[in-house]
Amino acid sequence: MPEPTRTQLEFRSAMANLSAAVNVITTDGPHGRAGLTVSAACSVTDSPPTMLVCVNRSARSHGVLLANGRVCVNVLGAEHEDLARYFAGGAGVPPAQRFTDGRWDLDTEGVPVLRDALASVVGRIVAEQTQGSHSVLFVEVDTVPEPATDSGALVYFQRRYHNLAAS
């Protein structure tokens, strides 16, 4: 991989100052169960309800997400930093063990839904656009399970996780 250009380095530094919600994107289906942590997820429209999720094409879960075609965007709360690290691969938790701790509803929606997420949105990937190192996925919403918590949010800012208290 070539060395990053000056503009790329400046861009990365600037983006470190862009606060972002932390999400775990999950899937299950004929191509397996998988998940990964992302900070690039947002709403697109409510007609029809659609989200945008950006996934690094080199991520182990990338191909599984696309092949299964159905995902859940789990918005993490302040108490979920451990999950963010697990699914980012930084905590040394093997992929097969990431869904075994009882925090996941693995049956109701057909994809893993975090029981105590701030919000969960289940849907189908209806379009994909490749841009550089990432795939931009458009997820049309099928269902929004009732949130189980109203804790503060987990955000990513200056390359670290931070808790944002609910007021």
N, C-alpha and C. Protein backbone atom coordinates (compact mmCIF):
# COMPACT_ATOMS: atom_id res chain seq x y z
N MET A 1 0.85 -1.17 0.00
CA MET A 1 0.00 0.00 0.00
C MET A 1 0.90 1.24 0.00
N PRO A 2 0.62 2.18 -0.88
CA PRO A 2 1.46 3.39 -0.96
C PRO A 2 1.27 4.29 0.25
N GLU A 3 2.26 5.10 0.50
CA GLU A 3 2.19 6.06 1.60
C GLU A 3 1.06 7.06 1.32
N PRO A 4 0.31 7.45 2.36
CA PRO A 4 -0.76 8.43 2.15
C PRO A 4 -0.19 9.78 1.70
N THR A 5 -0.95 10.48 0.88
CA THR A 5 -0.54 11.80 0.43
C THR A 5 -0.76 12.80 1.57
N ARG A 6 -0.22 13.98 1.39
CA ARG A 6 -0.40 15.04 2.39
C ARG A 6 -1.90 15.36 2.55
N THR A 7 -2.60 15.44 1.44
CA THR A 7 -4.04 15.73 1.50
C THR A 7 -4.78 14.63 2.25
N GLN A 8 -4.42 13.37 2.01
CA GLN A 8 -5.07 12.27 2.73
C GLN A 8 -4.82 12.39 4.23
N LEU A 9 -3.59 12.70 4.61
CA LEU A 9 -3.26 12.83 6.04
C LEU A 9 -4.02 14.01 6.66
N GLU A 10 -4.08 15.12 5.94
CA GLU A 10 -4.82 16.29 6.44
C GLU A 10 -6.32 15.97 6.56
N PHE A 11 -6.85 15.25 5.58
CA PHE A 11 -8.25 14.85 5.61
C PHE A 11 -8.53 13.95 6.82
N ARG A 12 -7.68 12.96 7.05
CA ARG A 12 -7.85 12.06 8.20
C ARG A 12 -7.83 12.84 9.51
N SER A 13 -6.93 13.79 9.61
CA SER A 13 -6.85 14.62 10.81
C SER A 13 -8.12 15.44 10.99
N ALA A 14 -8.61 16.02 9.91
CA ALA A 14 -9.85 16.81 9.99
C ALA A 14 -11.03 15.93 10.38
N MET A 15 -11.11 14.73 9.81
CA MET A 15 -12.23 13.83 10.10
C MET A 15 -12.20 13.30 11.53
N ALA A 16 -11.04 13.32 12.16
CA ALA A 16 -10.94 12.92 13.57
C ALA A 16 -11.73 13.88 14.45
N ASN A 17 -11.99 15.08 13.95
CA ASN A 17 -12.76 16.07 14.70
C ASN A 17 -14.25 16.08 14.34
N LEU A 18 -14.66 15.12 13.54
CA LEU A 18 -16.06 14.97 13.19
C LEU A 18 -16.66 13.90 14.11
N SER A 19 -17.40 14.34 15.11
CA SER A 19 -18.03 13.40 16.04
C SER A 19 -19.01 12.51 15.29
N ALA A 20 -19.05 11.24 15.67
CA ALA A 20 -19.95 10.31 14.99
C ALA A 20 -20.50 9.29 15.97
N ALA A 21 -21.76 8.92 15.77
CA ALA A 21 -22.36 7.84 16.55
C ALA A 21 -21.63 6.54 16.22
N VAL A 22 -21.61 5.64 17.17
CA VAL A 22 -20.95 4.34 16.98
C VAL A 22 -22.05 3.29 16.81
N ASN A 23 -21.90 2.48 15.78
CA ASN A 23 -22.89 1.47 15.42
C ASN A 23 -22.22 0.13 15.19
N VAL A 24 -22.93 -0.94 15.48
CA VAL A 24 -22.50 -2.27 15.07
C VAL A 24 -23.51 -2.74 14.02
N ILE A 25 -22.99 -3.02 12.82
CA ILE A 25 -23.81 -3.50 11.72
C ILE A 25 -23.71 -5.02 11.74
N THR A 26 -24.86 -5.70 11.78
CA THR A 26 -24.88 -7.15 11.88
C THR A 26 -25.67 -7.76 10.73
N THR A 27 -25.37 -9.02 10.45
CA THR A 27 -26.09 -9.77 9.43
C THR A 27 -26.09 -11.24 9.82
N ASP A 28 -27.02 -11.97 9.22
CA ASP A 28 -27.07 -13.42 9.35
C ASP A 28 -27.80 -13.93 8.12
N GLY A 29 -27.50 -15.13 7.73
CA GLY A 29 -28.15 -15.70 6.56
C GLY A 29 -27.34 -16.82 5.98
N PRO A 30 -27.60 -17.17 4.74
CA PRO A 30 -26.93 -18.31 4.12
C PRO A 30 -25.41 -18.17 4.04
N HIS A 31 -24.91 -16.95 4.10
CA HIS A 31 -23.47 -16.72 3.98
C HIS A 31 -22.80 -16.53 5.34
N GLY A 32 -23.57 -16.73 6.41
CA GLY A 32 -23.00 -16.68 7.75
C GLY A 32 -23.45 -15.48 8.55
N ARG A 33 -23.05 -15.49 9.80
CA ARG A 33 -23.34 -14.41 10.74
C ARG A 33 -22.08 -13.55 10.85
N ALA A 34 -22.26 -12.24 10.86
CA ALA A 34 -21.10 -11.35 10.94
C ALA A 34 -21.54 -10.00 11.47
N GLY A 35 -20.55 -9.21 11.87
CA GLY A 35 -20.81 -7.86 12.33
C GLY A 35 -19.53 -7.06 12.39
N LEU A 36 -19.68 -5.74 12.33
CA LEU A 36 -18.53 -4.86 12.44
C LEU A 36 -18.97 -3.50 12.95
N THR A 37 -18.02 -2.80 13.55
CA THR A 37 -18.25 -1.46 14.08
C THR A 37 -18.05 -0.44 12.97
N VAL A 38 -19.00 0.50 12.86
CA VAL A 38 -18.87 1.59 11.90
C VAL A 38 -19.31 2.89 12.57
N SER A 39 -18.71 3.97 12.12
CA SER A 39 -19.15 5.29 12.58
C SER A 39 -19.80 6.07 11.44
N ALA A 40 -19.74 5.53 10.23
CA ALA A 40 -20.33 6.21 9.08
C ALA A 40 -21.67 5.57 8.75
N ALA A 41 -22.70 6.03 9.44
CA ALA A 41 -24.07 5.57 9.20
C ALA A 41 -25.00 6.76 9.47
N CYS A 42 -25.99 6.92 8.62
CA CYS A 42 -26.92 8.04 8.82
C CYS A 42 -28.22 7.77 8.08
N SER A 43 -29.23 8.57 8.42
CA SER A 43 -30.50 8.47 7.70
C SER A 43 -30.35 9.15 6.34
N VAL A 44 -31.12 8.66 5.38
CA VAL A 44 -31.14 9.26 4.04
C VAL A 44 -32.48 9.92 3.81
N THR A 45 -33.55 9.16 4.03
CA THR A 45 -34.90 9.66 3.78
C THR A 45 -35.89 8.81 4.56
N ASP A 46 -37.11 9.34 4.74
CA ASP A 46 -38.15 8.51 5.35
C ASP A 46 -39.19 8.08 4.33
N SER A 47 -38.92 8.35 3.03
CA SER A 47 -39.85 7.99 1.96
C SER A 47 -39.13 7.32 0.81
N PRO A 48 -38.86 6.03 0.81
CA PRO A 48 -39.09 5.10 1.90
C PRO A 48 -37.98 5.21 2.95
N PRO A 49 -38.25 4.79 4.19
CA PRO A 49 -37.21 4.87 5.22
C PRO A 49 -35.94 4.15 4.77
N THR A 50 -34.84 4.91 4.72
CA THR A 50 -33.57 4.40 4.18
C THR A 50 -32.42 4.97 4.98
N MET A 51 -31.43 4.11 5.22
CA MET A 51 -30.18 4.52 5.86
C MET A 51 -29.02 4.32 4.90
N LEU A 52 -27.95 5.02 5.18
CA LEU A 52 -26.70 4.87 4.44
C LEU A 52 -25.66 4.34 5.44
N VAL A 53 -24.90 3.33 5.04
CA VAL A 53 -23.86 2.76 5.88
C VAL A 53 -22.61 2.60 5.02
N CYS A 54 -21.47 3.09 5.50
CA CYS A 54 -20.21 2.96 4.78
C CYS A 54 -19.37 1.86 5.43
N VAL A 55 -18.91 0.91 4.62
CA VAL A 55 -18.16 -0.25 5.11
C VAL A 55 -16.87 -0.37 4.31
N ASN A 56 -15.76 -0.50 5.02
CA ASN A 56 -14.47 -0.71 4.37
C ASN A 56 -14.51 -2.04 3.62
N ARG A 57 -14.12 -2.01 2.35
CA ARG A 57 -14.18 -3.21 1.52
C ARG A 57 -13.19 -4.28 1.98
N SER A 58 -12.18 -3.89 2.77
CA SER A 58 -11.22 -4.88 3.26
C SER A 58 -11.69 -5.53 4.56
N ALA A 59 -12.81 -5.09 5.12
CA ALA A 59 -13.32 -5.67 6.36
C ALA A 59 -13.75 -7.12 6.12
N ARG A 60 -13.46 -7.96 7.07
CA ARG A 60 -13.81 -9.38 6.99
C ARG A 60 -15.31 -9.57 6.77
N SER A 61 -16.13 -8.72 7.35
CA SER A 61 -17.58 -8.86 7.26
C SER A 61 -18.18 -8.28 5.98
N HIS A 62 -17.42 -7.53 5.21
CA HIS A 62 -17.94 -6.84 4.04
C HIS A 62 -18.66 -7.79 3.09
N GLY A 63 -18.00 -8.83 2.66
CA GLY A 63 -18.59 -9.77 1.69
C GLY A 63 -19.81 -10.48 2.24
N VAL A 64 -19.79 -10.80 3.53
CA VAL A 64 -20.92 -11.48 4.16
C VAL A 64 -22.14 -10.56 4.20
N LEU A 65 -21.93 -9.28 4.55
CA LEU A 65 -23.03 -8.31 4.56
C LEU A 65 -23.69 -8.23 3.19
N LEU A 66 -22.87 -8.07 2.16
CA LEU A 66 -23.40 -7.94 0.81
C LEU A 66 -24.09 -9.22 0.34
N ALA A 67 -23.49 -10.36 0.63
CA ALA A 67 -24.06 -11.63 0.17
C ALA A 67 -25.39 -11.93 0.85
N ASN A 68 -25.48 -11.66 2.16
CA ASN A 68 -26.75 -11.90 2.86
C ASN A 68 -27.80 -10.87 2.47
N GLY A 69 -27.36 -9.63 2.28
CA GLY A 69 -28.27 -8.59 1.82
C GLY A 69 -29.21 -8.01 2.86
N ARG A 70 -29.19 -8.54 4.05
CA ARG A 70 -30.09 -8.07 5.12
C ARG A 70 -29.23 -7.76 6.33
N VAL A 71 -29.46 -6.59 6.95
CA VAL A 71 -28.61 -6.12 8.04
C VAL A 71 -29.44 -5.48 9.15
N CYS A 72 -28.77 -5.30 10.29
CA CYS A 72 -29.31 -4.49 11.37
C CYS A 72 -28.27 -3.45 11.73
N VAL A 73 -28.70 -2.20 11.81
CA VAL A 73 -27.86 -1.11 12.29
C VAL A 73 -28.20 -0.95 13.77
N ASN A 74 -27.27 -1.33 14.64
CA ASN A 74 -27.45 -1.25 16.09
C ASN A 74 -26.71 -0.02 16.59
N VAL A 75 -27.44 0.98 17.05
CA VAL A 75 -26.84 2.21 17.55
C VAL A 75 -26.43 1.98 19.00
N LEU A 76 -25.14 2.15 19.28
CA LEU A 76 -24.61 1.81 20.59
C LEU A 76 -24.80 2.92 21.61
N GLY A 77 -25.10 2.49 22.84
CA GLY A 77 -25.21 3.40 23.96
C GLY A 77 -23.89 3.54 24.68
N ALA A 78 -23.86 4.41 25.67
CA ALA A 78 -22.64 4.71 26.42
C ALA A 78 -22.03 3.46 27.05
N GLU A 79 -22.87 2.50 27.41
CA GLU A 79 -22.38 1.29 28.08
C GLU A 79 -21.85 0.22 27.12
N HIS A 80 -21.79 0.52 25.83
CA HIS A 80 -21.41 -0.49 24.83
C HIS A 80 -20.00 -0.34 24.26
N GLU A 81 -19.14 0.37 24.94
CA GLU A 81 -17.79 0.53 24.39
C GLU A 81 -17.10 -0.81 24.17
N ASP A 82 -17.33 -1.77 25.07
CA ASP A 82 -16.73 -3.09 24.89
C ASP A 82 -17.19 -3.73 23.58
N LEU A 83 -18.47 -3.61 23.25
CA LEU A 83 -18.97 -4.16 21.99
C LEU A 83 -18.35 -3.45 20.79
N ALA A 84 -18.22 -2.15 20.88
CA ALA A 84 -17.59 -1.40 19.79
C ALA A 84 -16.19 -1.94 19.53
N ARG A 85 -15.45 -2.18 20.60
CA ARG A 85 -14.09 -2.71 20.45
C ARG A 85 -14.09 -4.14 19.92
N TYR A 86 -15.01 -5.00 20.42
CA TYR A 86 -15.10 -6.38 19.93
C TYR A 86 -15.29 -6.40 18.42
N PHE A 87 -16.29 -5.63 17.97
CA PHE A 87 -16.65 -5.69 16.56
C PHE A 87 -15.72 -4.88 15.67
N ALA A 88 -14.86 -4.06 16.27
CA ALA A 88 -13.82 -3.37 15.51
C ALA A 88 -12.58 -4.25 15.39
N GLY A 89 -12.58 -5.37 16.12
CA GLY A 89 -11.46 -6.30 16.06
C GLY A 89 -10.32 -5.94 16.98
N GLY A 90 -10.49 -4.90 17.80
CA GLY A 90 -9.40 -4.44 18.65
C GLY A 90 -9.33 -5.07 20.02
N ALA A 91 -10.28 -5.94 20.36
CA ALA A 91 -10.29 -6.52 21.70
C ALA A 91 -9.87 -7.98 21.70
N GLY A 92 -9.52 -8.51 20.54
CA GLY A 92 -9.06 -9.89 20.46
C GLY A 92 -10.16 -10.93 20.64
N VAL A 93 -11.43 -10.52 20.54
CA VAL A 93 -12.54 -11.46 20.64
C VAL A 93 -12.77 -12.07 19.27
N PRO A 94 -12.63 -13.40 19.15
CA PRO A 94 -12.83 -14.04 17.84
C PRO A 94 -14.24 -13.80 17.30
N PRO A 95 -14.39 -13.65 15.99
CA PRO A 95 -15.71 -13.38 15.41
C PRO A 95 -16.79 -14.36 15.86
N ALA A 96 -16.46 -15.62 16.01
CA ALA A 96 -17.45 -16.63 16.39
C ALA A 96 -17.99 -16.42 17.80
N GLN A 97 -17.26 -15.70 18.65
CA GLN A 97 -17.68 -15.49 20.04
C GLN A 97 -18.39 -14.15 20.27
N ARG A 98 -18.50 -13.32 19.28
CA ARG A 98 -19.03 -11.97 19.47
C ARG A 98 -20.53 -11.93 19.73
N PHE A 99 -21.24 -12.98 19.39
CA PHE A 99 -22.69 -13.01 19.57
C PHE A 99 -23.14 -13.99 20.65
N THR A 100 -22.23 -14.43 21.51
CA THR A 100 -22.55 -15.51 22.46
C THR A 100 -22.82 -15.05 23.88
N ASP A 101 -22.87 -13.74 24.14
CA ASP A 101 -22.97 -13.29 25.53
C ASP A 101 -24.39 -12.98 26.00
N GLY A 102 -25.41 -13.32 25.23
CA GLY A 102 -26.79 -13.12 25.67
C GLY A 102 -27.35 -11.74 25.42
N ARG A 103 -26.55 -10.81 24.93
CA ARG A 103 -27.05 -9.46 24.66
C ARG A 103 -27.79 -9.38 23.32
N TRP A 104 -27.75 -10.45 22.56
CA TRP A 104 -28.26 -10.42 21.20
C TRP A 104 -29.54 -11.22 21.05
N ASP A 105 -30.52 -10.66 20.37
CA ASP A 105 -31.70 -11.40 19.93
C ASP A 105 -31.33 -11.93 18.55
N LEU A 106 -31.13 -13.23 18.46
CA LEU A 106 -30.68 -13.84 17.22
C LEU A 106 -31.81 -14.44 16.41
N ASP A 107 -33.04 -14.39 16.92
CA ASP A 107 -34.14 -15.11 16.29
C ASP A 107 -35.25 -14.23 15.72
N THR A 108 -35.64 -13.19 16.41
CA THR A 108 -36.86 -12.45 16.07
C THR A 108 -36.83 -11.85 14.67
N GLU A 109 -35.75 -11.19 14.30
CA GLU A 109 -35.69 -10.44 13.03
C GLU A 109 -34.90 -11.15 11.93
N GLY A 110 -34.27 -12.29 12.24
CA GLY A 110 -33.46 -12.99 11.25
C GLY A 110 -32.04 -12.48 11.14
N VAL A 111 -31.72 -11.40 11.84
CA VAL A 111 -30.38 -10.85 11.95
C VAL A 111 -30.16 -10.51 13.41
N PRO A 112 -28.90 -10.48 13.88
CA PRO A 112 -28.66 -10.14 15.29
C PRO A 112 -29.07 -8.70 15.62
N VAL A 113 -29.91 -8.57 16.65
CA VAL A 113 -30.36 -7.27 17.14
C VAL A 113 -29.90 -7.14 18.58
N LEU A 114 -29.17 -6.09 18.88
CA LEU A 114 -28.69 -5.83 20.24
C LEU A 114 -29.88 -5.47 21.12
N ARG A 115 -30.10 -6.27 22.16
CA ARG A 115 -31.30 -6.12 23.00
C ARG A 115 -31.39 -4.74 23.66
N ASP A 116 -30.25 -4.16 24.06
CA ASP A 116 -30.30 -2.89 24.78
C ASP A 116 -29.65 -1.75 23.98
N ALA A 117 -29.77 -1.82 22.67
CA ALA A 117 -29.27 -0.74 21.82
C ALA A 117 -30.09 0.52 22.01
N LEU A 118 -29.47 1.67 21.75
CA LEU A 118 -30.23 2.93 21.75
C LEU A 118 -31.30 2.90 20.67
N ALA A 119 -30.97 2.30 19.55
CA ALA A 119 -31.90 2.09 18.45
C ALA A 119 -31.37 0.95 17.60
N SER A 120 -32.28 0.23 16.99
CA SER A 120 -31.92 -0.81 16.02
C SER A 120 -32.81 -0.62 14.81
N VAL A 121 -32.21 -0.76 13.64
CA VAL A 121 -32.94 -0.60 12.39
C VAL A 121 -32.60 -1.80 11.52
N VAL A 122 -33.61 -2.58 11.15
CA VAL A 122 -33.41 -3.78 10.35
C VAL A 122 -33.89 -3.51 8.93
N GLY A 123 -33.06 -3.90 7.96
CA GLY A 123 -33.47 -3.66 6.58
C GLY A 123 -32.67 -4.45 5.57
N ARG A 124 -32.94 -4.13 4.30
CA ARG A 124 -32.32 -4.80 3.16
C ARG A 124 -31.41 -3.83 2.42
N ILE A 125 -30.27 -4.33 2.00
CA ILE A 125 -29.36 -3.53 1.17
C ILE A 125 -30.00 -3.46 -0.22
N VAL A 126 -30.38 -2.25 -0.63
CA VAL A 126 -31.05 -2.09 -1.92
C VAL A 126 -30.13 -1.48 -2.98
N ALA A 127 -29.00 -0.94 -2.56
CA ALA A 127 -28.04 -0.39 -3.52
C ALA A 127 -26.67 -0.32 -2.88
N GLU A 128 -25.65 -0.42 -3.71
CA GLU A 128 -24.27 -0.31 -3.25
C GLU A 128 -23.51 0.54 -4.25
N GLN A 129 -22.68 1.43 -3.71
CA GLN A 129 -21.81 2.27 -4.53
C GLN A 129 -20.41 2.14 -3.98
N THR A 130 -19.45 1.81 -4.82
CA THR A 130 -18.06 1.74 -4.39
C THR A 130 -17.44 3.12 -4.53
N GLN A 131 -16.79 3.56 -3.44
CA GLN A 131 -16.08 4.84 -3.46
C GLN A 131 -14.75 4.63 -2.76
N GLY A 132 -13.68 4.57 -3.52
CA GLY A 132 -12.37 4.35 -2.92
C GLY A 132 -12.31 3.03 -2.18
N SER A 133 -11.92 3.10 -0.92
CA SER A 133 -11.73 1.90 -0.11
C SER A 133 -13.03 1.37 0.50
N HIS A 134 -14.14 2.07 0.29
CA HIS A 134 -15.38 1.72 0.97
C HIS A 134 -16.54 1.42 0.02
N SER A 135 -17.48 0.65 0.54
CA SER A 135 -18.78 0.48 -0.11
C SER A 135 -19.77 1.34 0.64
N VAL A 136 -20.56 2.09 -0.10
CA VAL A 136 -21.64 2.87 0.48
C VAL A 136 -22.90 2.05 0.25
N LEU A 137 -23.52 1.60 1.35
CA LEU A 137 -24.68 0.73 1.27
C LEU A 137 -25.94 1.52 1.61
N PHE A 138 -26.95 1.38 0.79
CA PHE A 138 -28.24 1.97 1.07
C PHE A 138 -29.14 0.86 1.61
N VAL A 139 -29.64 1.06 2.80
CA VAL A 139 -30.42 0.04 3.50
C VAL A 139 -31.86 0.54 3.63
N GLU A 140 -32.78 -0.13 2.94
CA GLU A 140 -34.19 0.21 3.05
C GLU A 140 -34.76 -0.51 4.27
N VAL A 141 -35.42 0.23 5.13
CA VAL A 141 -35.84 -0.26 6.44
C VAL A 141 -37.08 -1.14 6.33
N ASP A 142 -37.01 -2.31 6.99
CA ASP A 142 -38.14 -3.23 7.11
C ASP A 142 -38.84 -3.05 8.45
N THR A 143 -38.05 -2.90 9.52
CA THR A 143 -38.62 -2.81 10.86
C THR A 143 -37.66 -2.05 11.78
N VAL A 144 -38.23 -1.44 12.81
CA VAL A 144 -37.46 -0.72 13.82
C VAL A 144 -37.90 -1.27 15.18
N PRO A 145 -37.18 -2.26 15.72
CA PRO A 145 -37.56 -2.81 17.02
C PRO A 145 -37.55 -1.73 18.10
N GLU A 146 -38.43 -1.88 19.06
CA GLU A 146 -38.54 -0.92 20.17
C GLU A 146 -37.22 -0.86 20.93
N PRO A 147 -36.67 0.35 21.16
CA PRO A 147 -35.42 0.45 21.93
C PRO A 147 -35.66 0.04 23.38
N ALA A 148 -34.66 -0.59 23.95
CA ALA A 148 -34.78 -1.09 25.32
C ALA A 148 -34.14 -0.18 26.35
N THR A 149 -33.51 0.89 25.89
CA THR A 149 -32.78 1.75 26.82
C THR A 149 -32.83 3.19 26.35
N ASP A 150 -32.60 4.10 27.26
CA ASP A 150 -32.47 5.50 26.88
C ASP A 150 -31.22 6.10 27.53
N SER A 151 -30.19 5.28 27.58
CA SER A 151 -28.92 5.73 28.16
C SER A 151 -28.27 6.76 27.24
N GLY A 152 -27.16 7.26 27.66
CA GLY A 152 -26.40 8.18 26.82
C GLY A 152 -25.84 7.47 25.61
N ALA A 153 -25.29 8.25 24.69
CA ALA A 153 -24.77 7.73 23.43
C ALA A 153 -23.27 7.44 23.53
N LEU A 154 -22.82 6.56 22.67
CA LEU A 154 -21.39 6.33 22.47
C LEU A 154 -21.01 7.02 21.18
N VAL A 155 -20.04 7.92 21.25
CA VAL A 155 -19.58 8.64 20.06
C VAL A 155 -18.09 8.42 19.87
N TYR A 156 -17.66 8.60 18.63
CA TYR A 156 -16.24 8.49 18.29
C TYR A 156 -15.77 9.89 17.92
N PHE A 157 -14.72 10.37 18.62
CA PHE A 157 -14.21 11.72 18.42
C PHE A 157 -12.72 11.71 18.73
N GLN A 158 -11.92 12.31 17.87
CA GLN A 158 -10.46 12.37 18.01
C GLN A 158 -9.86 10.99 18.26
N ARG A 159 -10.37 10.01 17.48
CA ARG A 159 -9.86 8.63 17.45
C ARG A 159 -10.04 7.88 18.77
N ARG A 160 -11.05 8.31 19.55
CA ARG A 160 -11.36 7.64 20.82
C ARG A 160 -12.86 7.60 21.02
N TYR A 161 -13.30 6.64 21.83
CA TYR A 161 -14.70 6.55 22.21
C TYR A 161 -14.97 7.51 23.37
N HIS A 162 -16.17 8.11 23.35
CA HIS A 162 -16.59 9.02 24.42
C HIS A 162 -18.05 8.74 24.72
N ASN A 163 -18.42 8.94 25.98
CA ASN A 163 -19.82 8.81 26.38
C ASN A 163 -20.46 10.19 26.35
N LEU A 164 -21.64 10.24 25.77
CA LEU A 164 -22.41 11.48 25.71
C LEU A 164 -23.64 11.25 26.55
N ALA A 165 -23.73 11.96 27.67
CA ALA A 165 -24.82 11.75 28.61
C ALA A 165 -26.15 12.23 28.04
N ALA A 166 -27.20 11.48 28.38
CA ALA A 166 -28.55 11.92 28.05
C ALA A 166 -28.94 13.04 28.99
N SER A 167 -29.65 14.05 28.48
CA SER A 167 -30.00 15.17 29.36
C SER A 167 -31.34 14.96 30.03
